[in-house]
Amino acid sequence: MKHLLFTTLENTKETSDLIHHLSELGYNGTVLSSTSLKHILQDENEDVPSFFSLAHYHENKFVQNTTIYFILNDKELEEVKKEIRNATNGFTSTKGGMFALPLESYEGSF
């Protein structure tokens, strides 16, 4: 069975090292810059827009995290989760989280 694994991590050296390490191990995924609503709304010194626009993303105004998603089989899922746990010290040295969803249908060459 295939799974969709999402992980969102703080932008830290450990996150960058993890991405390189997973690539060296042969894993491929999609990496996105992201931020949480909490971080957008915390900054009271800036004029926070009512709606998030692509312009804010382009300017990297709110980007503080890295979101990565992978399509993995059962064995790969457990291996990548283990690598993420190790790189983040169980999400204590690098804040973040991960979750996986089973894929009922998948087509492609990831």
PDB file of N, CA and C in Angstrom:
ATOM      1  N   MET A   1       0.832  -1.175   0.000  1.00  0.00           N
ATOM      2  CA  MET A   1       0.000   0.000   0.000  1.00  0.00           C
ATOM      3  C   MET A   1       0.879   1.241   0.000  1.00  0.00           C
ATOM      4  N   LYS A   2       0.425   2.282  -0.659  1.00  0.00           N
ATOM      5  CA  LYS A   2       1.124   3.567  -0.676  1.00  0.00           C
ATOM      6  C   LYS A   2       0.537   4.484   0.389  1.00  0.00           C
ATOM      7  N   HIS A   3       1.387   5.381   0.908  1.00  0.00           N
ATOM      8  CA  HIS A   3       0.995   6.334   1.932  1.00  0.00           C
ATOM      9  C   HIS A   3       1.479   7.714   1.526  1.00  0.00           C
ATOM     10  N   LEU A   4       0.747   8.731   1.971  1.00  0.00           N
ATOM     11  CA  LEU A   4       1.148  10.112   1.799  1.00  0.00           C
ATOM     12  C   LEU A   4       1.612  10.603   3.158  1.00  0.00           C
ATOM     13  N   LEU A   5       2.905  10.902   3.275  1.00  0.00           N
ATOM     14  CA  LEU A   5       3.489  11.374   4.530  1.00  0.00           C
ATOM     15  C   LEU A   5       3.725  12.872   4.419  1.00  0.00           C
ATOM     16  N   PHE A   6       3.164  13.623   5.354  1.00  0.00           N
ATOM     17  CA  PHE A   6       3.393  15.059   5.456  1.00  0.00           C
ATOM     18  C   PHE A   6       4.216  15.327   6.699  1.00  0.00           C
ATOM     19  N   THR A   7       5.201  16.209   6.582  1.00  0.00           N
ATOM     20  CA  THR A   7       5.905  16.692   7.756  1.00  0.00           C
ATOM     21  C   THR A   7       6.114  18.187   7.597  1.00  0.00           C
ATOM     22  N   THR A   8       5.892  18.903   8.671  1.00  0.00           N
ATOM     23  CA  THR A   8       6.166  20.337   8.702  1.00  0.00           C
ATOM     24  C   THR A   8       7.161  20.572   9.823  1.00  0.00           C
ATOM     25  N   LEU A   9       8.267  21.243   9.473  1.00  0.00           N
ATOM     26  CA  LEU A   9       9.358  21.462  10.412  1.00  0.00           C
ATOM     27  C   LEU A   9       9.809  22.915  10.373  1.00  0.00           C
ATOM     28  N   GLU A  10      10.325  23.392  11.499  1.00  0.00           N
ATOM     29  CA  GLU A  10      10.926  24.722  11.534  1.00  0.00           C
ATOM     30  C   GLU A  10      12.088  24.760  10.538  1.00  0.00           C
ATOM     31  N   ASN A  11      12.339  25.936   9.998  1.00  0.00           N
ATOM     32  CA  ASN A  11      13.503  26.108   9.134  1.00  0.00           C
ATOM     33  C   ASN A  11      14.748  26.196  10.019  1.00  0.00           C
ATOM     34  N   THR A  12      15.441  25.077  10.138  1.00  0.00           N
ATOM     35  CA  THR A  12      16.666  25.017  10.932  1.00  0.00           C
ATOM     36  C   THR A  12      17.726  24.295  10.104  1.00  0.00           C
ATOM     37  N   LYS A  13      18.954  24.341  10.592  1.00  0.00           N
ATOM     38  CA  LYS A  13      20.028  23.599   9.924  1.00  0.00           C
ATOM     39  C   LYS A  13      19.696  22.111   9.905  1.00  0.00           C
ATOM     40  N   GLU A  14      19.095  21.613  10.990  1.00  0.00           N
ATOM     41  CA  GLU A  14      18.730  20.196  11.066  1.00  0.00           C
ATOM     42  C   GLU A  14      17.715  19.820   9.986  1.00  0.00           C
ATOM     43  N   THR A  15      16.784  20.729   9.694  1.00  0.00           N
ATOM     44  CA  THR A  15      15.812  20.477   8.633  1.00  0.00           C
ATOM     45  C   THR A  15      16.504  20.389   7.288  1.00  0.00           C
ATOM     46  N   SER A  16      17.396  21.320   7.027  1.00  0.00           N
ATOM     47  CA  SER A  16      18.155  21.294   5.775  1.00  0.00           C
ATOM     48  C   SER A  16      18.991  20.020   5.674  1.00  0.00           C
ATOM     49  N   ASP A  17      19.650  19.661   6.773  1.00  0.00           N
ATOM     50  CA  ASP A  17      20.457  18.438   6.790  1.00  0.00           C
ATOM     51  C   ASP A  17      19.585  17.208   6.542  1.00  0.00           C
ATOM     52  N   LEU A  18      18.386  17.186   7.126  1.00  0.00           N
ATOM     53  CA  LEU A  18      17.463  16.068   6.935  1.00  0.00           C
ATOM     54  C   LEU A  18      17.075  15.927   5.463  1.00  0.00           C
ATOM     55  N   ILE A  19      16.756  17.032   4.822  1.00  0.00           N
ATOM     56  CA  ILE A  19      16.382  16.991   3.407  1.00  0.00           C
ATOM     57  C   ILE A  19      17.514  16.405   2.568  1.00  0.00           C
ATOM     58  N   HIS A  20      18.729  16.861   2.822  1.00  0.00           N
ATOM     59  CA  HIS A  20      19.886  16.323   2.081  1.00  0.00           C
ATOM     60  C   HIS A  20      20.090  14.845   2.381  1.00  0.00           C
ATOM     61  N   HIS A  21      19.943  14.465   3.649  1.00  0.00           N
ATOM     62  CA  HIS A  21      20.134  13.068   4.055  1.00  0.00           C
ATOM     63  C   HIS A  21      19.101  12.152   3.395  1.00  0.00           C
ATOM     64  N   LEU A  22      17.834  12.565   3.412  1.00  0.00           N
ATOM     65  CA  LEU A  22      16.794  11.747   2.784  1.00  0.00           C
ATOM     66  C   LEU A  22      17.034  11.609   1.289  1.00  0.00           C
ATOM     67  N   SER A  23      17.507  12.665   0.665  1.00  0.00           N
ATOM     68  CA  SER A  23      17.827  12.601  -0.765  1.00  0.00           C
ATOM     69  C   SER A  23      18.973  11.623  -1.019  1.00  0.00           C
ATOM     70  N   GLU A  24      19.990  11.676  -0.163  1.00  0.00           N
ATOM     71  CA  GLU A  24      21.116  10.748  -0.293  1.00  0.00           C
ATOM     72  C   GLU A  24      20.678   9.297  -0.124  1.00  0.00           C
ATOM     73  N   LEU A  25      19.650   9.076   0.699  1.00  0.00           N
ATOM     74  CA  LEU A  25      19.117   7.718   0.900  1.00  0.00           C
ATOM     75  C   LEU A  25      18.223   7.278  -0.255  1.00  0.00           C
ATOM     76  N   GLY A  26      17.953   8.189  -1.196  1.00  0.00           N
ATOM     77  CA  GLY A  26      17.164   7.845  -2.371  1.00  0.00           C
ATOM     78  C   GLY A  26      15.705   8.235  -2.315  1.00  0.00           C
ATOM     79  N   TYR A  27      15.306   8.952  -1.263  1.00  0.00           N
ATOM     80  CA  TYR A  27      13.907   9.371  -1.158  1.00  0.00           C
ATOM     81  C   TYR A  27      13.693  10.669  -1.910  1.00  0.00           C
ATOM     82  N   ASN A  28      12.517  10.791  -2.516  1.00  0.00           N
ATOM     83  CA  ASN A  28      12.145  11.999  -3.230  1.00  0.00           C
ATOM     84  C   ASN A  28      10.804  12.470  -2.691  1.00  0.00           C
ATOM     85  N   GLY A  29      10.658  13.752  -2.580  1.00  0.00           N
ATOM     86  CA  GLY A  29       9.409  14.328  -2.101  1.00  0.00           C
ATOM     87  C   GLY A  29       9.270  15.728  -2.635  1.00  0.00           C
ATOM     88  N   THR A  30       8.228  16.396  -2.212  1.00  0.00           N
ATOM     89  CA  THR A  30       7.984  17.779  -2.607  1.00  0.00           C
ATOM     90  C   THR A  30       8.166  18.647  -1.374  1.00  0.00           C
ATOM     91  N   VAL A  31       8.951  19.718  -1.524  1.00  0.00           N
ATOM     92  CA  VAL A  31       9.271  20.617  -0.420  1.00  0.00           C
ATOM     93  C   VAL A  31       8.594  21.957  -0.682  1.00  0.00           C
ATOM     94  N   LEU A  32       7.853  22.431   0.325  1.00  0.00           N
ATOM     95  CA  LEU A  32       7.141  23.699   0.220  1.00  0.00           C
ATOM     96  C   LEU A  32       7.519  24.599   1.392  1.00  0.00           C
ATOM     97  N   SER A  33       7.618  25.890   1.139  1.00  0.00           N
ATOM     98  CA  SER A  33       7.770  26.858   2.220  1.00  0.00           C
ATOM     99  C   SER A  33       6.398  27.097   2.813  1.00  0.00           C
ATOM    100  N   SER A  34       6.323  27.195   4.130  1.00  0.00           N
ATOM    101  CA  SER A  34       5.020  27.341   4.775  1.00  0.00           C
ATOM    102  C   SER A  34       5.148  28.135   6.070  1.00  0.00           C
ATOM    103  N   THR A  35       4.011  28.537   6.592  1.00  0.00           N
ATOM    104  CA  THR A  35       3.938  29.178   7.901  1.00  0.00           C
ATOM    105  C   THR A  35       2.585  28.862   8.514  1.00  0.00           C
ATOM    106  N   SER A  36       2.467  29.077   9.794  1.00  0.00           N
ATOM    107  CA  SER A  36       1.198  28.803  10.465  1.00  0.00           C
ATOM    108  C   SER A  36       0.414  30.102  10.631  1.00  0.00           C
ATOM    109  N   LEU A  37      -0.876  29.969  10.799  1.00  0.00           N
ATOM    110  CA  LEU A  37      -1.705  31.146  11.072  1.00  0.00           C
ATOM    111  C   LEU A  37      -1.239  31.862  12.332  1.00  0.00           C
ATOM    112  N   LYS A  38      -0.800  31.089  13.310  1.00  0.00           N
ATOM    113  CA  LYS A  38      -0.316  31.657  14.563  1.00  0.00           C
ATOM    114  C   LYS A  38       0.816  32.644  14.306  1.00  0.00           C
ATOM    115  N   HIS A  39       1.775  32.262  13.468  1.00  0.00           N
ATOM    116  CA  HIS A  39       2.902  33.141  13.194  1.00  0.00           C
ATOM    117  C   HIS A  39       2.495  34.361  12.373  1.00  0.00           C
ATOM    118  N   ILE A  40       1.547  34.191  11.496  1.00  0.00           N
ATOM    119  CA  ILE A  40       1.075  35.328  10.713  1.00  0.00           C
ATOM    120  C   ILE A  40       0.423  36.350  11.633  1.00  0.00           C
ATOM    121  N   LEU A  41      -0.409  35.879  12.550  1.00  0.00           N
ATOM    122  CA  LEU A  41      -1.189  36.773  13.397  1.00  0.00           C
ATOM    123  C   LEU A  41      -0.426  37.298  14.607  1.00  0.00           C
ATOM    124  N   GLN A  42       0.704  36.680  14.959  1.00  0.00           N
ATOM    125  CA  GLN A  42       1.476  37.114  16.121  1.00  0.00           C
ATOM    126  C   GLN A  42       2.157  38.451  15.901  1.00  0.00           C
ATOM    127  N   ASP A  43       2.516  38.745  14.680  1.00  0.00           N
ATOM    128  CA  ASP A  43       3.290  39.949  14.405  1.00  0.00           C
ATOM    129  C   ASP A  43       2.370  41.165  14.361  1.00  0.00           C
ATOM    130  N   GLU A  44       2.235  41.836  15.491  1.00  0.00           N
ATOM    131  CA  GLU A  44       1.331  42.980  15.585  1.00  0.00           C
ATOM    132  C   GLU A  44       1.952  44.252  15.038  1.00  0.00           C
ATOM    133  N   ASN A  45       3.249  44.262  14.766  1.00  0.00           N
ATOM    134  CA  ASN A  45       3.915  45.463  14.265  1.00  0.00           C
ATOM    135  C   ASN A  45       3.705  45.665  12.782  1.00  0.00           C
ATOM    136  N   GLU A  46       3.230  44.659  12.095  1.00  0.00           N
ATOM    137  CA  GLU A  46       3.007  44.755  10.664  1.00  0.00           C
ATOM    138  C   GLU A  46       1.525  44.807  10.370  1.00  0.00           C
ATOM    139  N   ASP A  47       1.206  45.363   9.241  1.00  0.00           N
ATOM    140  CA  ASP A  47      -0.173  45.405   8.785  1.00  0.00           C
ATOM    141  C   ASP A  47      -0.518  44.031   8.236  1.00  0.00           C
ATOM    142  N   VAL A  48      -1.228  43.231   9.023  1.00  0.00           N
ATOM    143  CA  VAL A  48      -1.573  41.876   8.623  1.00  0.00           C
ATOM    144  C   VAL A  48      -2.794  41.928   7.710  1.00  0.00           C
ATOM    145  N   PRO A  49      -2.700  41.364   6.519  1.00  0.00           N
ATOM    146  CA  PRO A  49      -3.828  41.409   5.599  1.00  0.00           C
ATOM    147  C   PRO A  49      -4.974  40.506   6.074  1.00  0.00           C
ATOM    148  N   SER A  50      -6.181  40.845   5.654  1.00  0.00           N
ATOM    149  CA  SER A  50      -7.336  40.021   5.987  1.00  0.00           C
ATOM    150  C   SER A  50      -7.252  38.666   5.306  1.00  0.00           C
ATOM    151  N   PHE A  51      -6.669  38.657   4.113  1.00  0.00           N
ATOM    152  CA  PHE A  51      -6.516  37.424   3.356  1.00  0.00           C
ATOM    153  C   PHE A  51      -5.066  37.285   2.942  1.00  0.00           C
ATOM    154  N   PHE A  52      -4.565  36.093   3.020  1.00  0.00           N
ATOM    155  CA  PHE A  52      -3.210  35.793   2.573  1.00  0.00           C
ATOM    156  C   PHE A  52      -3.198  35.774   1.050  1.00  0.00           C
ATOM    157  N   SER A  53      -2.237  36.442   0.460  1.00  0.00           N
ATOM    158  CA  SER A  53      -2.159  36.471  -1.003  1.00  0.00           C
ATOM    159  C   SER A  53      -0.849  35.864  -1.473  1.00  0.00           C
ATOM    160  N   LEU A  54      -0.783  35.554  -2.746  1.00  0.00           N
ATOM    161  CA  LEU A  54       0.452  35.015  -3.318  1.00  0.00           C
ATOM    162  C   LEU A  54       1.596  36.010  -3.214  1.00  0.00           C
ATOM    163  N   ALA A  55       1.302  37.286  -3.182  1.00  0.00           N
ATOM    164  CA  ALA A  55       2.351  38.299  -3.041  1.00  0.00           C
ATOM    165  C   ALA A  55       3.112  38.121  -1.732  1.00  0.00           C
ATOM    166  N   HIS A  56       2.404  37.791  -0.658  1.00  0.00           N
ATOM    167  CA  HIS A  56       3.072  37.563   0.622  1.00  0.00           C
ATOM    168  C   HIS A  56       3.982  36.347   0.555  1.00  0.00           C
ATOM    169  N   TYR A  57       3.518  35.317  -0.122  1.00  0.00           N
ATOM    170  CA  TYR A  57       4.334  34.115  -0.283  1.00  0.00           C
ATOM    171  C   TYR A  57       5.577  34.447  -1.091  1.00  0.00           C
ATOM    172  N   HIS A  58       5.392  35.178  -2.172  1.00  0.00           N
ATOM    173  CA  HIS A  58       6.510  35.522  -3.062  1.00  0.00           C
ATOM    174  C   HIS A  58       7.562  36.346  -2.324  1.00  0.00           C
ATOM    175  N   GLU A  59       7.120  37.233  -1.461  1.00  0.00           N
ATOM    176  CA  GLU A  59       8.041  38.082  -0.699  1.00  0.00           C
ATOM    177  C   GLU A  59       8.651  37.338   0.489  1.00  0.00           C
ATOM    178  N   ASN A  60       8.229  36.091   0.713  1.00  0.00           N
ATOM    179  CA  ASN A  60       8.664  35.305   1.878  1.00  0.00           C
ATOM    180  C   ASN A  60       8.377  36.041   3.179  1.00  0.00           C
ATOM    181  N   LYS A  61       7.292  36.804   3.187  1.00  0.00           N
ATOM    182  CA  LYS A  61       6.948  37.614   4.343  1.00  0.00           C
ATOM    183  C   LYS A  61       6.631  36.754   5.561  1.00  0.00           C
ATOM    184  N   PHE A  62       5.994  35.624   5.386  1.00  0.00           N
ATOM    185  CA  PHE A  62       5.550  34.809   6.508  1.00  0.00           C
ATOM    186  C   PHE A  62       6.231  33.445   6.585  1.00  0.00           C
ATOM    187  N   VAL A  63       7.098  33.117   5.676  1.00  0.00           N
ATOM    188  CA  VAL A  63       7.665  31.771   5.617  1.00  0.00           C
ATOM    189  C   VAL A  63       8.590  31.520   6.807  1.00  0.00           C
ATOM    190  N   GLN A  64       8.253  30.522   7.603  1.00  0.00           N
ATOM    191  CA  GLN A  64       9.071  30.157   8.751  1.00  0.00           C
ATOM    192  C   GLN A  64       9.253  28.655   8.886  1.00  0.00           C
ATOM    193  N   ASN A  65       8.585  27.881   8.038  1.00  0.00           N
ATOM    194  CA  ASN A  65       8.621  26.428   8.141  1.00  0.00           C
ATOM    195  C   ASN A  65       8.880  25.804   6.779  1.00  0.00           C
ATOM    196  N   THR A  66       9.186  24.535   6.822  1.00  0.00           N
ATOM    197  CA  THR A  66       9.317  23.735   5.620  1.00  0.00           C
ATOM    198  C   THR A  66       8.327  22.585   5.728  1.00  0.00           C
ATOM    199  N   THR A  67       7.504  22.418   4.705  1.00  0.00           N
ATOM    200  CA  THR A  67       6.574  21.293   4.635  1.00  0.00           C
ATOM    201  C   THR A  67       7.037  20.376   3.523  1.00  0.00           C
ATOM    202  N   ILE A  68       7.141  19.103   3.834  1.00  0.00           N
ATOM    203  CA  ILE A  68       7.597  18.109   2.861  1.00  0.00           C
ATOM    204  C   ILE A  68       6.541  17.020   2.789  1.00  0.00           C
ATOM    205  N   TYR A  69       6.229  16.592   1.568  1.00  0.00           N
ATOM    206  CA  TYR A  69       5.368  15.415   1.475  1.00  0.00           C
ATOM    207  C   TYR A  69       5.992  14.386   0.556  1.00  0.00           C
ATOM    208  N   PHE A  70       5.749  13.141   0.921  1.00  0.00           N
ATOM    209  CA  PHE A  70       6.305  11.977   0.242  1.00  0.00           C
ATOM    210  C   PHE A  70       5.185  10.996  -0.072  1.00  0.00           C
ATOM    211  N   ILE A  71       5.344  10.240  -1.140  1.00  0.00           N
ATOM    212  CA  ILE A  71       4.504   9.075  -1.412  1.00  0.00           C
ATOM    213  C   ILE A  71       5.407   7.865  -1.217  1.00  0.00           C
ATOM    214  N   LEU A  72       5.028   7.006  -0.259  1.00  0.00           N
ATOM    215  CA  LEU A  72       5.912   5.926   0.185  1.00  0.00           C
ATOM    216  C   LEU A  72       5.141   4.627   0.351  1.00  0.00           C
ATOM    217  N   ASN A  73       5.863   3.511   0.188  1.00  0.00           N
ATOM    218  CA  ASN A  73       5.254   2.234   0.522  1.00  0.00           C
ATOM    219  C   ASN A  73       5.397   1.996   2.024  1.00  0.00           C
ATOM    220  N   ASP A  74       4.859   0.884   2.516  1.00  0.00           N
ATOM    221  CA  ASP A  74       4.835   0.612   3.956  1.00  0.00           C
ATOM    222  C   ASP A  74       6.226   0.665   4.587  1.00  0.00           C
ATOM    223  N   LYS A  75       7.187  -0.009   3.995  1.00  0.00           N
ATOM    224  CA  LYS A  75       8.543  -0.066   4.550  1.00  0.00           C
ATOM    225  C   LYS A  75       9.201   1.315   4.514  1.00  0.00           C
ATOM    226  N   GLU A  76       9.068   2.006   3.391  1.00  0.00           N
ATOM    227  CA  GLU A  76       9.660   3.337   3.257  1.00  0.00           C
ATOM    228  C   GLU A  76       9.058   4.306   4.268  1.00  0.00           C
ATOM    229  N   LEU A  77       7.755   4.193   4.500  1.00  0.00           N
ATOM    230  CA  LEU A  77       7.077   5.074   5.450  1.00  0.00           C
ATOM    231  C   LEU A  77       7.733   4.982   6.820  1.00  0.00           C
ATOM    232  N   GLU A  78       7.923   3.782   7.308  1.00  0.00           N
ATOM    233  CA  GLU A  78       8.528   3.612   8.633  1.00  0.00           C
ATOM    234  C   GLU A  78       9.972   4.108   8.651  1.00  0.00           C
ATOM    235  N   GLU A  79      10.713   3.881   7.572  1.00  0.00           N
ATOM    236  CA  GLU A  79      12.107   4.332   7.512  1.00  0.00           C
ATOM    237  C   GLU A  79      12.197   5.860   7.522  1.00  0.00           C
ATOM    238  N   VAL A  80      11.365   6.534   6.736  1.00  0.00           N
ATOM    239  CA  VAL A  80      11.411   8.001   6.671  1.00  0.00           C
ATOM    240  C   VAL A  80      10.939   8.603   7.990  1.00  0.00           C
ATOM    241  N   LYS A  81       9.907   8.041   8.594  1.00  0.00           N
ATOM    242  CA  LYS A  81       9.456   8.532   9.898  1.00  0.00           C
ATOM    243  C   LYS A  81      10.577   8.418  10.930  1.00  0.00           C
ATOM    244  N   LYS A  82      11.308   7.318  10.898  1.00  0.00           N
ATOM    245  CA  LYS A  82      12.429   7.128  11.823  1.00  0.00           C
ATOM    246  C   LYS A  82      13.509   8.186  11.590  1.00  0.00           C
ATOM    247  N   GLU A  83      13.821   8.462  10.325  1.00  0.00           N
ATOM    248  CA  GLU A  83      14.830   9.480  10.007  1.00  0.00           C
ATOM    249  C   GLU A  83      14.387  10.862  10.488  1.00  0.00           C
ATOM    250  N   ILE A  84      13.109  11.174  10.327  1.00  0.00           N
ATOM    251  CA  ILE A  84      12.585  12.464  10.777  1.00  0.00           C
ATOM    252  C   ILE A  84      12.658  12.563  12.296  1.00  0.00           C
ATOM    253  N   ARG A  85      12.262  11.496  12.988  1.00  0.00           N
ATOM    254  CA  ARG A  85      12.339  11.491  14.453  1.00  0.00           C
ATOM    255  C   ARG A  85      13.782  11.683  14.919  1.00  0.00           C
ATOM    256  N   ASN A  86      14.710  10.978  14.277  1.00  0.00           N
ATOM    257  CA  ASN A  86      16.122  11.098  14.663  1.00  0.00           C
ATOM    258  C   ASN A  86      16.650  12.513  14.415  1.00  0.00           C
ATOM    259  N   ALA A  87      16.328  13.093  13.268  1.00  0.00           N
ATOM    260  CA  ALA A  87      16.848  14.415  12.912  1.00  0.00           C
ATOM    261  C   ALA A  87      16.293  15.512  13.810  1.00  0.00           C
ATOM    262  N   THR A  88      15.100  15.306  14.344  1.00  0.00           N
ATOM    263  CA  THR A  88      14.457  16.335  15.168  1.00  0.00           C
ATOM    264  C   THR A  88      14.511  16.017  16.660  1.00  0.00           C
ATOM    265  N   ASN A  89      15.170  14.924  17.014  1.00  0.00           N
ATOM    266  CA  ASN A  89      15.189  14.451  18.403  1.00  0.00           C
ATOM    267  C   ASN A  89      13.769  14.342  18.946  1.00  0.00           C
ATOM    268  N   GLY A  90      12.937  13.666  18.171  1.00  0.00           N
ATOM    269  CA  GLY A  90      11.540  13.484  18.578  1.00  0.00           C
ATOM    270  C   GLY A  90      10.774  14.800  18.612  1.00  0.00           C
ATOM    271  N   PHE A  91      11.119  15.698  17.708  1.00  0.00           N
ATOM    272  CA  PHE A  91      10.496  17.022  17.587  1.00  0.00           C
ATOM    273  C   PHE A  91      10.778  17.917  18.789  1.00  0.00           C
ATOM    274  N   THR A  92      11.905  17.676  19.471  1.00  0.00           N
ATOM    275  CA  THR A  92      12.278  18.547  20.586  1.00  0.00           C
ATOM    276  C   THR A  92      13.331  19.569  20.172  1.00  0.00           C
ATOM    277  N   SER A  93      14.303  19.192  19.352  1.00  0.00           N
ATOM    278  CA  SER A  93      15.324  20.150  18.920  1.00  0.00           C
ATOM    279  C   SER A  93      14.851  20.971  17.726  1.00  0.00           C
ATOM    280  N   THR A  94      13.999  20.409  16.919  1.00  0.00           N
ATOM    281  CA  THR A  94      13.358  21.111  15.809  1.00  0.00           C
ATOM    282  C   THR A  94      11.863  20.880  15.959  1.00  0.00           C
ATOM    283  N   LYS A  95      11.125  21.969  16.137  1.00  0.00           N
ATOM    284  CA  LYS A  95       9.674  21.843  16.301  1.00  0.00           C
ATOM    285  C   LYS A  95       9.034  21.448  14.982  1.00  0.00           C
ATOM    286  N   GLY A  96       7.944  20.716  15.085  1.00  0.00           N
ATOM    287  CA  GLY A  96       7.234  20.295  13.890  1.00  0.00           C
ATOM    288  C   GLY A  96       6.342  19.116  14.197  1.00  0.00           C
ATOM    289  N   GLY A  97       5.955  18.439  13.145  1.00  0.00           N
ATOM    290  CA  GLY A  97       5.109  17.271  13.289  1.00  0.00           C
ATOM    291  C   GLY A  97       5.005  16.539  11.969  1.00  0.00           C
ATOM    292  N   MET A  98       4.380  15.371  12.011  1.00  0.00           N
ATOM    293  CA  MET A  98       4.186  14.593  10.793  1.00  0.00           C
ATOM    294  C   MET A  98       2.940  13.752  10.929  1.00  0.00           C
ATOM    295  N   PHE A  99       2.349  13.420   9.801  1.00  0.00           N
ATOM    296  CA  PHE A  99       1.226  12.490   9.773  1.00  0.00           C
ATOM    297  C   PHE A  99       1.210  11.813   8.415  1.00  0.00           C
ATOM    298  N   ALA A 100       0.605  10.630   8.377  1.00  0.00           N
ATOM    299  CA  ALA A 100       0.533   9.858   7.138  1.00  0.00           C
ATOM    300  C   ALA A 100      -0.918   9.456   6.894  1.00  0.00           C
ATOM    301  N   LEU A 101      -1.251   9.400   5.622  1.00  0.00           N
ATOM    302  CA  LEU A 101      -2.574   8.970   5.192  1.00  0.00           C
ATOM    303  C   LEU A 101      -2.423   7.852   4.174  1.00  0.00           C
ATOM    304  N   PRO A 102      -3.242   6.809   4.282  1.00  0.00           N
ATOM    305  CA  PRO A 102      -3.195   5.772   3.246  1.00  0.00           C
ATOM    306  C   PRO A 102      -3.750   6.329   1.936  1.00  0.00           C
ATOM    307  N   LEU A 103      -3.152   5.931   0.840  1.00  0.00           N
ATOM    308  CA  LEU A 103      -3.630   6.356  -0.476  1.00  0.00           C
ATOM    309  C   LEU A 103      -4.439   5.231  -1.092  1.00  0.00           C
ATOM    310  N   GLU A 104      -5.688   5.504  -1.322  1.00  0.00           N
ATOM    311  CA  GLU A 104      -6.554   4.513  -1.940  1.00  0.00           C
ATOM    312  C   GLU A 104      -6.196   4.330  -3.413  1.00  0.00           C
ATOM    313  N   SER A 105      -5.779   5.433  -4.021  1.00  0.00           N
ATOM    314  CA  SER A 105      -5.447   5.382  -5.443  1.00  0.00           C
ATOM    315  C   SER A 105      -4.227   6.253  -5.674  1.00  0.00           C
ATOM    316  N   TYR A 106      -3.328   5.785  -6.505  1.00  0.00           N
ATOM    317  CA  TYR A 106      -2.125   6.537  -6.817  1.00  0.00           C
ATOM    318  C   TYR A 106      -1.671   6.164  -8.217  1.00  0.00           C
ATOM    319  N   GLU A 107      -1.328   7.159  -9.012  1.00  0.00           N
ATOM    320  CA  GLU A 107      -0.726   6.951 -10.324  1.00  0.00           C
ATOM    321  C   GLU A 107       0.404   7.942 -10.470  1.00  0.00           C
ATOM    322  N   GLY A 108       1.494   7.543 -11.054  1.00  0.00           N
ATOM    323  CA  GLY A 108       2.593   8.457 -11.273  1.00  0.00           C
ATOM    324  C   GLY A 108       3.931   7.786 -11.085  1.00  0.00           C
ATOM    325  N   SER A 109       4.970   8.612 -11.093  1.00  0.00           N
ATOM    326  CA  SER A 109       6.319   8.075 -11.050  1.00  0.00           C
ATOM    327  C   SER A 109       7.137   8.674  -9.928  1.00  0.00           C
ATOM    328  N   PHE A 110       6.501   8.993  -8.773  1.00  0.00           N
ATOM    329  CA  PHE A 110       7.264   9.500  -7.646  1.00  0.00           C
ATOM    330  C   PHE A 110       8.197   8.435  -7.147  1.00  0.00           C
TER     331      PHE A 110
END
